[in-house]
Amino acid sequence: MPVRVHLDDVLHARRMTLTELSERVDITLANLSILKTGKAKAIRFSTLEAICTALACQPGDILSFDQETL
């Protein structure tokens, strides 16, 4: 899939665990794990906004597009 998820990198930079993010954003750990591993097929803008707010980042810090994998 050409959309890459860099949630692990941002979490590491913020010294935050997935569990802590789950509690801050009120999203299940299972759903965040699916997103983190790149297995998610979609993400709601409200979820992306909540994650970006909790991590003090931009959507582009979490997601990138890799044209070479097309």
PDB file of N, CA and C in Angstrom:
ATOM      1  N   MET A   1       0.855  -1.180   0.000  1.00  0.00           N
ATOM      2  CA  MET A   1       0.000   0.000   0.000  1.00  0.00           C
ATOM      3  C   MET A   1       0.898   1.239   0.000  1.00  0.00           C
ATOM      4  N   PRO A   2       0.598   2.207  -0.841  1.00  0.00           N
ATOM      5  CA  PRO A   2       1.469   3.374  -0.951  1.00  0.00           C
ATOM      6  C   PRO A   2       1.358   4.371   0.207  1.00  0.00           C
ATOM      7  N   VAL A   3       0.338   4.243   1.040  1.00  0.00           N
ATOM      8  CA  VAL A   3       0.235   5.131   2.205  1.00  0.00           C
ATOM      9  C   VAL A   3       0.952   4.456   3.373  1.00  0.00           C
ATOM     10  N   ARG A   4       1.927   5.131   3.915  1.00  0.00           N
ATOM     11  CA  ARG A   4       2.725   4.604   5.029  1.00  0.00           C
ATOM     12  C   ARG A   4       2.311   5.300   6.322  1.00  0.00           C
ATOM     13  N   VAL A   5       2.286   4.539   7.398  1.00  0.00           N
ATOM     14  CA  VAL A   5       1.935   5.066   8.717  1.00  0.00           C
ATOM     15  C   VAL A   5       3.199   5.106   9.570  1.00  0.00           C
ATOM     16  N   HIS A   6       3.481   6.280  10.128  1.00  0.00           N
ATOM     17  CA  HIS A   6       4.693   6.479  10.924  1.00  0.00           C
ATOM     18  C   HIS A   6       4.346   6.753  12.386  1.00  0.00           C
ATOM     19  N   LEU A   7       3.271   6.155  12.851  1.00  0.00           N
ATOM     20  CA  LEU A   7       2.816   6.390  14.222  1.00  0.00           C
ATOM     21  C   LEU A   7       3.859   5.956  15.239  1.00  0.00           C
ATOM     22  N   ASP A   8       4.517   4.849  14.996  1.00  0.00           N
ATOM     23  CA  ASP A   8       5.566   4.364  15.913  1.00  0.00           C
ATOM     24  C   ASP A   8       6.677   5.398  16.087  1.00  0.00           C
ATOM     25  N   ASP A   9       7.096   5.996  14.982  1.00  0.00           N
ATOM     26  CA  ASP A   9       8.178   6.981  15.033  1.00  0.00           C
ATOM     27  C   ASP A   9       7.772   8.207  15.854  1.00  0.00           C
ATOM     28  N   VAL A  10       6.550   8.678  15.641  1.00  0.00           N
ATOM     29  CA  VAL A  10       6.074   9.858  16.365  1.00  0.00           C
ATOM     30  C   VAL A  10       5.892   9.527  17.846  1.00  0.00           C
ATOM     31  N   LEU A  11       5.351   8.356  18.140  1.00  0.00           N
ATOM     32  CA  LEU A  11       5.207   7.946  19.543  1.00  0.00           C
ATOM     33  C   LEU A  11       6.572   7.884  20.223  1.00  0.00           C
ATOM     34  N   HIS A  12       7.544   7.311  19.546  1.00  0.00           N
ATOM     35  CA  HIS A  12       8.890   7.198  20.113  1.00  0.00           C
ATOM     36  C   HIS A  12       9.491   8.584  20.372  1.00  0.00           C
ATOM     37  N   ALA A  13       9.313   9.483  19.407  1.00  0.00           N
ATOM     38  CA  ALA A  13       9.843  10.842  19.559  1.00  0.00           C
ATOM     39  C   ALA A  13       9.193  11.577  20.723  1.00  0.00           C
ATOM     40  N   ARG A  14       7.924  11.261  20.998  1.00  0.00           N
ATOM     41  CA  ARG A  14       7.196  11.918  22.090  1.00  0.00           C
ATOM     42  C   ARG A  14       7.309  11.145  23.409  1.00  0.00           C
ATOM     43  N   ARG A  15       8.034  10.009  23.348  1.00  0.00           N
ATOM     44  CA  ARG A  15       8.185   9.128  24.526  1.00  0.00           C
ATOM     45  C   ARG A  15       6.829   8.758  25.116  1.00  0.00           C
ATOM     46  N   MET A  16       5.947   8.314  24.235  1.00  0.00           N
ATOM     47  CA  MET A  16       4.591   7.941  24.628  1.00  0.00           C
ATOM     48  C   MET A  16       4.321   6.516  24.147  1.00  0.00           C
ATOM     49  N   THR A  17       3.605   5.757  24.939  1.00  0.00           N
ATOM     50  CA  THR A  17       3.244   4.402  24.543  1.00  0.00           C
ATOM     51  C   THR A  17       1.922   4.422  23.786  1.00  0.00           C
ATOM     52  N   LEU A  18       1.662   3.349  23.079  1.00  0.00           N
ATOM     53  CA  LEU A  18       0.393   3.215  22.370  1.00  0.00           C
ATOM     54  C   LEU A  18      -0.758   3.183  23.364  1.00  0.00           C
ATOM     55  N   THR A  19      -0.531   2.584  24.513  1.00  0.00           N
ATOM     56  CA  THR A  19      -1.559   2.527  25.554  1.00  0.00           C
ATOM     57  C   THR A  19      -1.891   3.929  26.057  1.00  0.00           C
ATOM     58  N   GLU A  20      -0.881   4.748  26.281  1.00  0.00           N
ATOM     59  CA  GLU A  20      -1.116   6.108  26.743  1.00  0.00           C
ATOM     60  C   GLU A  20      -1.868   6.917  25.686  1.00  0.00           C
ATOM     61  N   LEU A  21      -1.495   6.747  24.430  1.00  0.00           N
ATOM     62  CA  LEU A  21      -2.208   7.441  23.355  1.00  0.00           C
ATOM     63  C   LEU A  21      -3.652   6.980  23.291  1.00  0.00           C
ATOM     64  N   SER A  22      -3.865   5.699  23.449  1.00  0.00           N
ATOM     65  CA  SER A  22      -5.220   5.143  23.444  1.00  0.00           C
ATOM     66  C   SER A  22      -6.089   5.787  24.519  1.00  0.00           C
ATOM     67  N   GLU A  23      -5.532   5.974  25.692  1.00  0.00           N
ATOM     68  CA  GLU A  23      -6.274   6.597  26.790  1.00  0.00           C
ATOM     69  C   GLU A  23      -6.536   8.077  26.518  1.00  0.00           C
ATOM     70  N   ARG A  24      -5.565   8.776  25.968  1.00  0.00           N
ATOM     71  CA  ARG A  24      -5.724  10.211  25.693  1.00  0.00           C
ATOM     72  C   ARG A  24      -6.738  10.482  24.585  1.00  0.00           C
ATOM     73  N   VAL A  25      -6.759   9.612  23.603  1.00  0.00           N
ATOM     74  CA  VAL A  25      -7.592   9.831  22.423  1.00  0.00           C
ATOM     75  C   VAL A  25      -8.931   9.113  22.536  1.00  0.00           C
ATOM     76  N   ASP A  26      -9.055   8.214  23.487  1.00  0.00           N
ATOM     77  CA  ASP A  26     -10.264   7.415  23.691  1.00  0.00           C
ATOM     78  C   ASP A  26     -10.574   6.548  22.476  1.00  0.00           C
ATOM     79  N   ILE A  27      -9.546   5.866  22.012  1.00  0.00           N
ATOM     80  CA  ILE A  27      -9.656   4.900  20.921  1.00  0.00           C
ATOM     81  C   ILE A  27      -9.101   3.586  21.460  1.00  0.00           C
ATOM     82  N   THR A  28      -9.725   2.495  21.074  1.00  0.00           N
ATOM     83  CA  THR A  28      -9.267   1.217  21.607  1.00  0.00           C
ATOM     84  C   THR A  28      -7.830   0.932  21.173  1.00  0.00           C
ATOM     85  N   LEU A  29      -7.146   0.233  22.020  1.00  0.00           N
ATOM     86  CA  LEU A  29      -5.774  -0.163  21.737  1.00  0.00           C
ATOM     87  C   LEU A  29      -5.724  -1.016  20.470  1.00  0.00           C
ATOM     88  N   ALA A  30      -6.719  -1.862  20.283  1.00  0.00           N
ATOM     89  CA  ALA A  30      -6.761  -2.721  19.097  1.00  0.00           C
ATOM     90  C   ALA A  30      -6.851  -1.889  17.820  1.00  0.00           C
ATOM     91  N   ASN A  31      -7.694  -0.861  17.810  1.00  0.00           N
ATOM     92  CA  ASN A  31      -7.830  -0.019  16.623  1.00  0.00           C
ATOM     93  C   ASN A  31      -6.560   0.786  16.350  1.00  0.00           C
ATOM     94  N   LEU A  32      -5.919   1.286  17.399  1.00  0.00           N
ATOM     95  CA  LEU A  32      -4.657   1.998  17.212  1.00  0.00           C
ATOM     96  C   LEU A  32      -3.571   1.057  16.700  1.00  0.00           C
ATOM     97  N   SER A  33      -3.583  -0.166  17.168  1.00  0.00           N
ATOM     98  CA  SER A  33      -2.605  -1.147  16.725  1.00  0.00           C
ATOM     99  C   SER A  33      -2.789  -1.453  15.239  1.00  0.00           C
ATOM    100  N   ILE A  34      -4.030  -1.553  14.790  1.00  0.00           N
ATOM    101  CA  ILE A  34      -4.315  -1.779  13.373  1.00  0.00           C
ATOM    102  C   ILE A  34      -3.797  -0.612  12.543  1.00  0.00           C
ATOM    103  N   LEU A  35      -4.001   0.596  13.037  1.00  0.00           N
ATOM    104  CA  LEU A  35      -3.498   1.776  12.343  1.00  0.00           C
ATOM    105  C   LEU A  35      -1.970   1.784  12.322  1.00  0.00           C
ATOM    106  N   LYS A  36      -1.367   1.502  13.467  1.00  0.00           N
ATOM    107  CA  LYS A  36       0.099   1.542  13.604  1.00  0.00           C
ATOM    108  C   LYS A  36       0.789   0.553  12.674  1.00  0.00           C
ATOM    109  N   THR A  37       0.205  -0.605  12.497  1.00  0.00           N
ATOM    110  CA  THR A  37       0.825  -1.637  11.656  1.00  0.00           C
ATOM    111  C   THR A  37       0.535  -1.443  10.173  1.00  0.00           C
ATOM    112  N   GLY A  38      -0.250  -0.421   9.838  1.00  0.00           N
ATOM    113  CA  GLY A  38      -0.556  -0.148   8.443  1.00  0.00           C
ATOM    114  C   GLY A  38      -1.639  -1.019   7.863  1.00  0.00           C
ATOM    115  N   LYS A  39      -2.378  -1.724   8.703  1.00  0.00           N
ATOM    116  CA  LYS A  39      -3.432  -2.617   8.232  1.00  0.00           C
ATOM    117  C   LYS A  39      -4.791  -1.927   8.109  1.00  0.00           C
ATOM    118  N   ALA A  40      -4.881  -0.695   8.566  1.00  0.00           N
ATOM    119  CA  ALA A  40      -6.142   0.050   8.492  1.00  0.00           C
ATOM    120  C   ALA A  40      -6.437   0.408   7.042  1.00  0.00           C
ATOM    121  N   LYS A  41      -7.687   0.307   6.657  1.00  0.00           N
ATOM    122  CA  LYS A  41      -8.101   0.658   5.303  1.00  0.00           C
ATOM    123  C   LYS A  41      -8.555   2.108   5.219  1.00  0.00           C
ATOM    124  N   ALA A  42      -8.893   2.707   6.361  1.00  0.00           N
ATOM    125  CA  ALA A  42      -9.393   4.084   6.396  1.00  0.00           C
ATOM    126  C   ALA A  42      -9.178   4.654   7.790  1.00  0.00           C
ATOM    127  N   ILE A  43      -9.246   5.981   7.876  1.00  0.00           N
ATOM    128  CA  ILE A  43      -9.185   6.651   9.166  1.00  0.00           C
ATOM    129  C   ILE A  43     -10.099   7.872   9.085  1.00  0.00           C
ATOM    130  N   ARG A  44     -10.880   8.078  10.113  1.00  0.00           N
ATOM    131  CA  ARG A  44     -11.761   9.243  10.159  1.00  0.00           C
ATOM    132  C   ARG A  44     -10.924  10.481  10.437  1.00  0.00           C
ATOM    133  N   PHE A  45     -11.353  11.592   9.850  1.00  0.00           N
ATOM    134  CA  PHE A  45     -10.655  12.849  10.112  1.00  0.00           C
ATOM    135  C   PHE A  45     -10.704  13.201  11.592  1.00  0.00           C
ATOM    136  N   SER A  46     -11.806  12.879  12.254  1.00  0.00           N
ATOM    137  CA  SER A  46     -11.907  13.190  13.685  1.00  0.00           C
ATOM    138  C   SER A  46     -10.894  12.375  14.487  1.00  0.00           C
ATOM    139  N   THR A  47     -10.653  11.149  14.078  1.00  0.00           N
ATOM    140  CA  THR A  47      -9.650  10.311  14.743  1.00  0.00           C
ATOM    141  C   THR A  47      -8.253  10.856  14.479  1.00  0.00           C
ATOM    142  N   LEU A  48      -7.980  11.213  13.232  1.00  0.00           N
ATOM    143  CA  LEU A  48      -6.684  11.785  12.884  1.00  0.00           C
ATOM    144  C   LEU A  48      -6.447  13.087  13.639  1.00  0.00           C
ATOM    145  N   GLU A  49      -7.483  13.897  13.750  1.00  0.00           N
ATOM    146  CA  GLU A  49      -7.377  15.156  14.494  1.00  0.00           C
ATOM    147  C   GLU A  49      -7.065  14.894  15.965  1.00  0.00           C
ATOM    148  N   ALA A  50      -7.741  13.926  16.565  1.00  0.00           N
ATOM    149  CA  ALA A  50      -7.511  13.608  17.969  1.00  0.00           C
ATOM    150  C   ALA A  50      -6.094  13.096  18.202  1.00  0.00           C
ATOM    151  N   ILE A  51      -5.602  12.258  17.291  1.00  0.00           N
ATOM    152  CA  ILE A  51      -4.237  11.737  17.408  1.00  0.00           C
ATOM    153  C   ILE A  51      -3.229  12.872  17.270  1.00  0.00           C
ATOM    154  N   CYS A  52      -3.435  13.735  16.285  1.00  0.00           N
ATOM    155  CA  CYS A  52      -2.520  14.855  16.085  1.00  0.00           C
ATOM    156  C   CYS A  52      -2.537  15.812  17.269  1.00  0.00           C
ATOM    157  N   THR A  53      -3.696  16.028  17.864  1.00  0.00           N
ATOM    158  CA  THR A  53      -3.793  16.887  19.045  1.00  0.00           C
ATOM    159  C   THR A  53      -3.024  16.274  20.208  1.00  0.00           C
ATOM    160  N   ALA A  54      -3.215  14.979  20.433  1.00  0.00           N
ATOM    161  CA  ALA A  54      -2.551  14.301  21.548  1.00  0.00           C
ATOM    162  C   ALA A  54      -1.042  14.252  21.372  1.00  0.00           C
ATOM    163  N   LEU A  55      -0.577  14.150  20.114  1.00  0.00           N
ATOM    164  CA  LEU A  55       0.851  14.033  19.848  1.00  0.00           C
ATOM    165  C   LEU A  55       1.494  15.366  19.460  1.00  0.00           C
ATOM    166  N   ALA A  56       0.692  16.414  19.390  1.00  0.00           N
ATOM    167  CA  ALA A  56       1.169  17.741  18.991  1.00  0.00           C
ATOM    168  C   ALA A  56       1.951  17.649  17.678  1.00  0.00           C
ATOM    169  N   CYS A  57       1.301  17.084  16.664  1.00  0.00           N
ATOM    170  CA  CYS A  57       1.942  16.914  15.367  1.00  0.00           C
ATOM    171  C   CYS A  57       0.963  17.232  14.248  1.00  0.00           C
ATOM    172  N   GLN A  58       1.435  17.124  13.029  1.00  0.00           N
ATOM    173  CA  GLN A  58       0.628  17.330  11.837  1.00  0.00           C
ATOM    174  C   GLN A  58       0.305  15.969  11.221  1.00  0.00           C
ATOM    175  N   PRO A  59      -0.794  15.869  10.439  1.00  0.00           N
ATOM    176  CA  PRO A  59      -1.108  14.590   9.787  1.00  0.00           C
ATOM    177  C   PRO A  59       0.051  14.052   8.946  1.00  0.00           C
ATOM    178  N   GLY A  60       0.809  14.942   8.322  1.00  0.00           N
ATOM    179  CA  GLY A  60       1.952  14.523   7.517  1.00  0.00           C
ATOM    180  C   GLY A  60       3.081  13.912   8.324  1.00  0.00           C
ATOM    181  N   ASP A  61       3.075  14.128   9.635  1.00  0.00           N
ATOM    182  CA  ASP A  61       4.064  13.490  10.498  1.00  0.00           C
ATOM    183  C   ASP A  61       3.722  12.021  10.714  1.00  0.00           C
ATOM    184  N   ILE A  62       2.448  11.697  10.577  1.00  0.00           N
ATOM    185  CA  ILE A  62       1.958  10.338  10.835  1.00  0.00           C
ATOM    186  C   ILE A  62       1.796   9.541   9.542  1.00  0.00           C
ATOM    187  N   LEU A  63       1.375  10.213   8.480  1.00  0.00           N
ATOM    188  CA  LEU A  63       1.094   9.546   7.216  1.00  0.00           C
ATOM    189  C   LEU A  63       1.971  10.102   6.104  1.00  0.00           C
ATOM    190  N   SER A  64       2.389   9.223   5.198  1.00  0.00           N
ATOM    191  CA  SER A  64       3.110   9.659   4.011  1.00  0.00           C
ATOM    192  C   SER A  64       2.643   8.814   2.831  1.00  0.00           C
ATOM    193  N   PHE A  65       2.894   9.316   1.621  1.00  0.00           N
ATOM    194  CA  PHE A  65       2.498   8.640   0.406  1.00  0.00           C
ATOM    195  C   PHE A  65       3.743   8.263  -0.370  1.00  0.00           C
ATOM    196  N   ASP A  66       3.876   6.989  -0.689  1.00  0.00           N
ATOM    197  CA  ASP A  66       5.051   6.476  -1.400  1.00  0.00           C
ATOM    198  C   ASP A  66       4.628   6.036  -2.793  1.00  0.00           C
ATOM    199  N   GLN A  67       4.876   6.870  -3.794  1.00  0.00           N
ATOM    200  CA  GLN A  67       4.461   6.571  -5.160  1.00  0.00           C
ATOM    201  C   GLN A  67       5.203   5.386  -5.760  1.00  0.00           C
ATOM    202  N   GLU A  68       6.360   5.107  -5.268  1.00  0.00           N
ATOM    203  CA  GLU A  68       7.161   4.027  -5.853  1.00  0.00           C
ATOM    204  C   GLU A  68       6.587   2.648  -5.593  1.00  0.00           C
ATOM    205  N   THR A  69       5.640   2.524  -4.662  1.00  0.00           N
ATOM    206  CA  THR A  69       5.039   1.224  -4.379  1.00  0.00           C
ATOM    207  C   THR A  69       3.764   1.001  -5.167  1.00  0.00           C
ATOM    208  N   LEU A  70       3.433   1.925  -6.060  1.00  0.00           N
ATOM    209  CA  LEU A  70       2.227   1.771  -6.893  1.00  0.00           C
ATOM    210  C   LEU A  70       2.419   0.721  -7.944  1.00  0.00           C
TER     211      LEU A  70
END
